Amino acid sequence: MKAIILLATLKNKGRSNTETLAAFLGEYLTKQNIDFEIIKLANHNIIPGTYTHMDIKDDWPKIYNKILEAEILLFATPIWWNNHSSELQKCIERLDEVYDIILAGKDSPLDGKIGGVIVTGDSDGVEHITGNIANFFCSIGVTVPPYTSLGVIWEGHAKDSKKTKAQLLKYYRANYAEDAEAMSGSLKKAIKQ
């Protein structure tokens, strides 16, 4: 069983709250015997567009193939102005071709995949982003079971916060261990059904 986590932090290097939370959830995925790969989108060349293959070569087709090979697709994003990041938006737009396939009366290439959401922020927006992503997943054939979102709103995520990775993990373990366990368990259960 394999999960692909599309990590949509804007930081291509340095500490990222969202990357740390995704790795934290990964500990619980491993306990459920779910292998996972985190794909840090900021480290890849993904050009704007609405098709899998574009006239200009980029990294999206390889990422898309990894999505096709996995059973679980997780979007991990920080909140910027009450929305998901621009890195995630590029991926959503590139997945628009899946919706074209569905509109043409064919089965979605993503049918049977399970989706989930990981969100970090410092004030508000988790519900809005989770709802938008869940709606998008449902539109392209990805099933979103209950308890498959992990959203952490905390002032320690503020843009200029000096929290270390160790401090972030300590906070997540103290306050979100049950949520991460429930999410990983729900993902595994949904795959078995």
Protein backbone atom coordinates (compact mmCIF):
# COMPACT_ATOMS: atom_id res chain seq x y z
CA MET A 1 0.00 0.00 0.00
CA LYS A 2 1.50 3.34 -1.08
CA ALA A 3 0.68 6.98 -0.40
CA ILE A 4 1.93 9.94 -2.39
CA ILE A 5 2.07 13.21 -0.46
CA LEU A 6 2.24 16.27 -2.70
CA LEU A 7 4.00 18.73 -0.42
CA ALA A 8 3.04 22.24 -1.50
CA THR A 9 5.26 24.32 0.76
CA LEU A 10 6.65 27.41 -0.95
CA LYS A 11 10.07 26.74 0.60
CA ASN A 12 12.45 24.73 -1.52
CA LYS A 13 14.95 24.65 1.36
CA GLY A 14 14.92 25.37 5.07
CA ARG A 15 12.37 24.43 7.72
CA SER A 16 8.77 24.09 6.57
CA ASN A 17 5.82 23.67 8.94
CA THR A 18 3.91 21.70 6.33
CA GLU A 19 6.84 19.42 5.55
CA THR A 20 7.28 18.73 9.26
CA LEU A 21 3.56 17.93 9.70
CA ALA A 22 3.61 15.65 6.63
CA ALA A 23 6.61 13.76 8.07
CA PHE A 24 4.79 13.55 11.43
CA LEU A 25 1.78 11.95 9.72
CA GLY A 26 4.21 9.68 7.88
CA GLU A 27 5.17 8.10 11.22
CA TYR A 28 1.55 7.00 11.62
CA LEU A 29 1.24 5.84 8.01
CA THR A 30 4.27 3.62 8.61
CA LYS A 31 2.58 2.11 11.70
CA GLN A 32 -0.34 1.17 9.40
CA ASN A 33 2.10 -0.46 6.94
CA ILE A 34 1.47 2.27 4.39
CA ASP A 35 4.60 3.20 2.46
CA PHE A 36 4.71 6.86 1.55
CA GLU A 37 6.69 9.25 -0.58
CA ILE A 38 6.75 12.99 -0.05
CA ILE A 39 7.15 14.93 -3.29
CA LYS A 40 8.25 18.47 -2.52
CA LEU A 41 6.70 20.39 -5.39
CA ALA A 42 8.91 23.47 -4.97
CA ASN A 43 11.90 21.31 -5.95
CA HIS A 44 10.30 20.34 -9.28
CA ASN A 45 9.71 22.19 -12.52
CA ILE A 46 5.93 22.19 -12.99
CA ILE A 47 4.77 24.60 -15.65
CA PRO A 48 1.27 26.12 -15.65
CA GLY A 49 -1.31 24.32 -17.76
CA THR A 50 -4.31 22.02 -17.76
CA TYR A 51 -2.91 18.86 -19.38
CA THR A 52 -0.65 16.08 -18.17
CA HIS A 53 1.73 16.47 -21.11
CA MET A 54 2.51 19.99 -22.31
CA ASP A 55 4.50 21.27 -25.29
CA ILE A 56 7.30 22.22 -22.89
CA LYS A 57 8.79 19.28 -20.99
CA ASP A 58 8.54 19.44 -17.20
CA ASP A 59 8.37 17.16 -14.15
CA TRP A 60 4.57 16.81 -13.94
CA PRO A 61 4.21 13.64 -16.09
CA LYS A 62 6.59 11.74 -13.76
CA ILE A 63 4.72 12.98 -10.70
CA TYR A 64 1.39 12.06 -12.29
CA ASN A 65 2.67 8.51 -12.96
CA LYS A 66 3.56 8.20 -9.27
CA ILE A 67 0.01 9.28 -8.40
CA LEU A 68 -1.37 6.59 -10.74
CA GLU A 69 0.79 3.92 -9.07
CA ALA A 70 -0.28 4.84 -5.51
CA GLU A 71 -3.50 3.95 -3.70
CA ILE A 72 -3.54 7.12 -1.58
CA LEU A 73 -3.13 10.75 -2.65
CA LEU A 74 -2.55 13.38 0.03
CA PHE A 75 -2.29 17.12 -0.58
CA ALA A 76 -0.18 18.94 2.03
CA THR A 77 -0.37 22.73 1.96
CA PRO A 78 0.22 25.81 4.05
CA ILE A 79 -2.48 28.45 4.19
CA TRP A 80 -1.81 31.67 2.29
CA TRP A 81 -4.55 34.29 2.46
CA ASN A 82 -7.19 31.67 3.34
CA ASN A 83 -6.26 29.43 0.39
CA HIS A 84 -3.93 26.58 -0.46
CA SER A 85 -0.53 27.45 -1.87
CA SER A 86 0.25 28.35 -5.47
CA GLU A 87 2.37 25.18 -5.72
CA LEU A 88 -0.72 23.07 -5.03
CA GLN A 89 -2.85 25.12 -7.40
CA LYS A 90 -0.49 24.26 -10.28
CA CYS A 91 -1.04 20.54 -9.55
CA ILE A 92 -4.80 20.94 -9.34
CA GLU A 93 -4.77 22.69 -12.71
CA ARG A 94 -2.56 19.99 -14.26
CA LEU A 95 -5.03 17.36 -12.98
CA ASP A 96 -7.82 19.10 -14.91
CA GLU A 97 -7.23 16.67 -17.77
CA VAL A 98 -8.61 13.92 -15.52
CA TYR A 99 -11.86 15.88 -15.33
CA ASP A 100 -11.86 16.16 -19.15
CA ILE A 101 -11.67 12.36 -19.35
CA ILE A 102 -14.67 12.06 -17.02
CA LEU A 103 -16.64 14.64 -19.04
CA ALA A 104 -15.94 12.55 -22.16
CA GLY A 105 -17.85 9.68 -20.49
CA LYS A 106 -14.84 7.58 -19.54
CA ASP A 107 -13.81 6.29 -16.13
CA SER A 108 -11.42 8.44 -14.14
CA PRO A 109 -7.85 7.12 -14.12
CA LEU A 110 -7.97 7.96 -10.39
CA ASP A 111 -11.05 5.84 -9.57
CA GLY A 112 -10.49 3.81 -6.41
CA LYS A 113 -7.84 6.12 -5.00
CA ILE A 114 -8.26 7.52 -1.51
CA GLY A 115 -7.59 11.19 -0.82
CA GLY A 116 -6.74 13.27 2.21
CA VAL A 117 -5.57 16.72 3.23
CA ILE A 118 -2.78 18.08 5.45
CA VAL A 119 -2.92 21.81 6.25
CA THR A 120 -0.81 24.16 8.36
CA GLY A 121 -1.51 27.76 9.25
CA ASP A 122 -1.35 30.31 12.03
CA SER A 123 -4.88 31.70 12.18
CA ASP A 124 -7.71 30.35 10.02
CA GLY A 125 -8.69 28.62 6.80
CA VAL A 126 -8.34 24.87 7.38
CA GLU A 127 -12.03 24.08 6.85
CA HIS A 128 -12.21 26.20 3.70
CA ILE A 129 -9.16 24.55 2.14
CA THR A 130 -10.17 21.04 3.21
CA GLY A 131 -13.63 21.54 1.71
CA ASN A 132 -12.26 22.85 -1.59
CA ILE A 133 -9.78 20.02 -1.93
CA ALA A 134 -12.38 17.39 -0.97
CA ASN A 135 -14.70 18.81 -3.63
CA PHE A 136 -11.88 18.69 -6.19
CA PHE A 137 -11.00 15.10 -5.26
CA CYS A 138 -14.62 14.01 -5.63
CA SER A 139 -14.79 15.71 -9.04
CA ILE A 140 -11.85 13.70 -10.37
CA GLY A 141 -12.84 10.31 -8.91
CA VAL A 142 -10.79 10.28 -5.69
CA THR A 143 -12.71 9.10 -2.61
CA VAL A 144 -12.41 11.17 0.57
CA PRO A 145 -13.31 9.01 3.58
CA PRO A 146 -14.10 10.40 7.04
CA TYR A 147 -11.21 11.48 9.27
CA THR A 148 -8.73 11.96 6.42
CA SER A 149 -7.70 15.52 7.13
CA LEU A 150 -5.06 16.80 9.50
CA GLY A 151 -5.18 20.55 9.98
CA VAL A 152 -3.06 22.38 12.51
CA ILE A 153 -3.70 26.06 13.25
CA TRP A 154 -1.14 27.40 15.70
CA GLU A 155 0.64 30.70 16.24
CA GLY A 156 3.88 28.69 16.16
CA HIS A 157 3.32 28.43 12.39
CA ALA A 158 3.48 32.20 11.90
CA LYS A 159 5.63 33.34 8.99
CA ASP A 160 8.37 34.77 11.22
CA SER A 161 8.19 32.09 13.91
CA LYS A 162 11.54 30.74 14.99
CA LYS A 163 10.21 27.31 16.02
CA THR A 164 12.64 24.49 15.31
CA LYS A 165 11.64 21.20 13.74
CA ALA A 166 12.00 19.56 17.16
CA GLN A 167 9.65 22.15 18.72
CA LEU A 168 7.10 21.62 15.95
CA LEU A 169 7.20 17.83 16.36
CA LYS A 170 6.88 18.13 20.14
CA TYR A 171 3.76 20.27 19.68
CA TYR A 172 2.27 17.91 17.08
CA ARG A 173 2.93 14.84 19.24
CA ALA A 174 1.38 16.49 22.29
CA ASN A 175 -1.73 17.80 20.53
CA TYR A 176 -2.30 15.89 17.28
CA ALA A 177 -1.16 12.30 17.81
CA GLU A 178 -4.76 11.02 18.08
CA ASP A 179 -5.75 12.90 14.92
CA ALA A 180 -2.79 11.50 12.96
CA GLU A 181 -3.56 8.00 14.21
CA ALA A 182 -7.23 8.34 13.24
CA MET A 183 -6.32 9.66 9.80
CA SER A 184 -3.82 6.91 9.02
CA GLY A 185 -6.26 4.27 10.28
CA SER A 186 -9.09 5.68 8.17
CA LEU A 187 -6.89 5.72 5.06
CA LYS A 188 -5.92 2.07 5.58
CA LYS A 189 -9.51 1.01 6.29
CA ALA A 190 -10.77 2.78 3.16
CA ILE A 191 -8.22 0.98 0.97
CA LYS A 192 -9.27 -2.41 2.34
CA GLN A 193 -12.96 -1.83 1.53
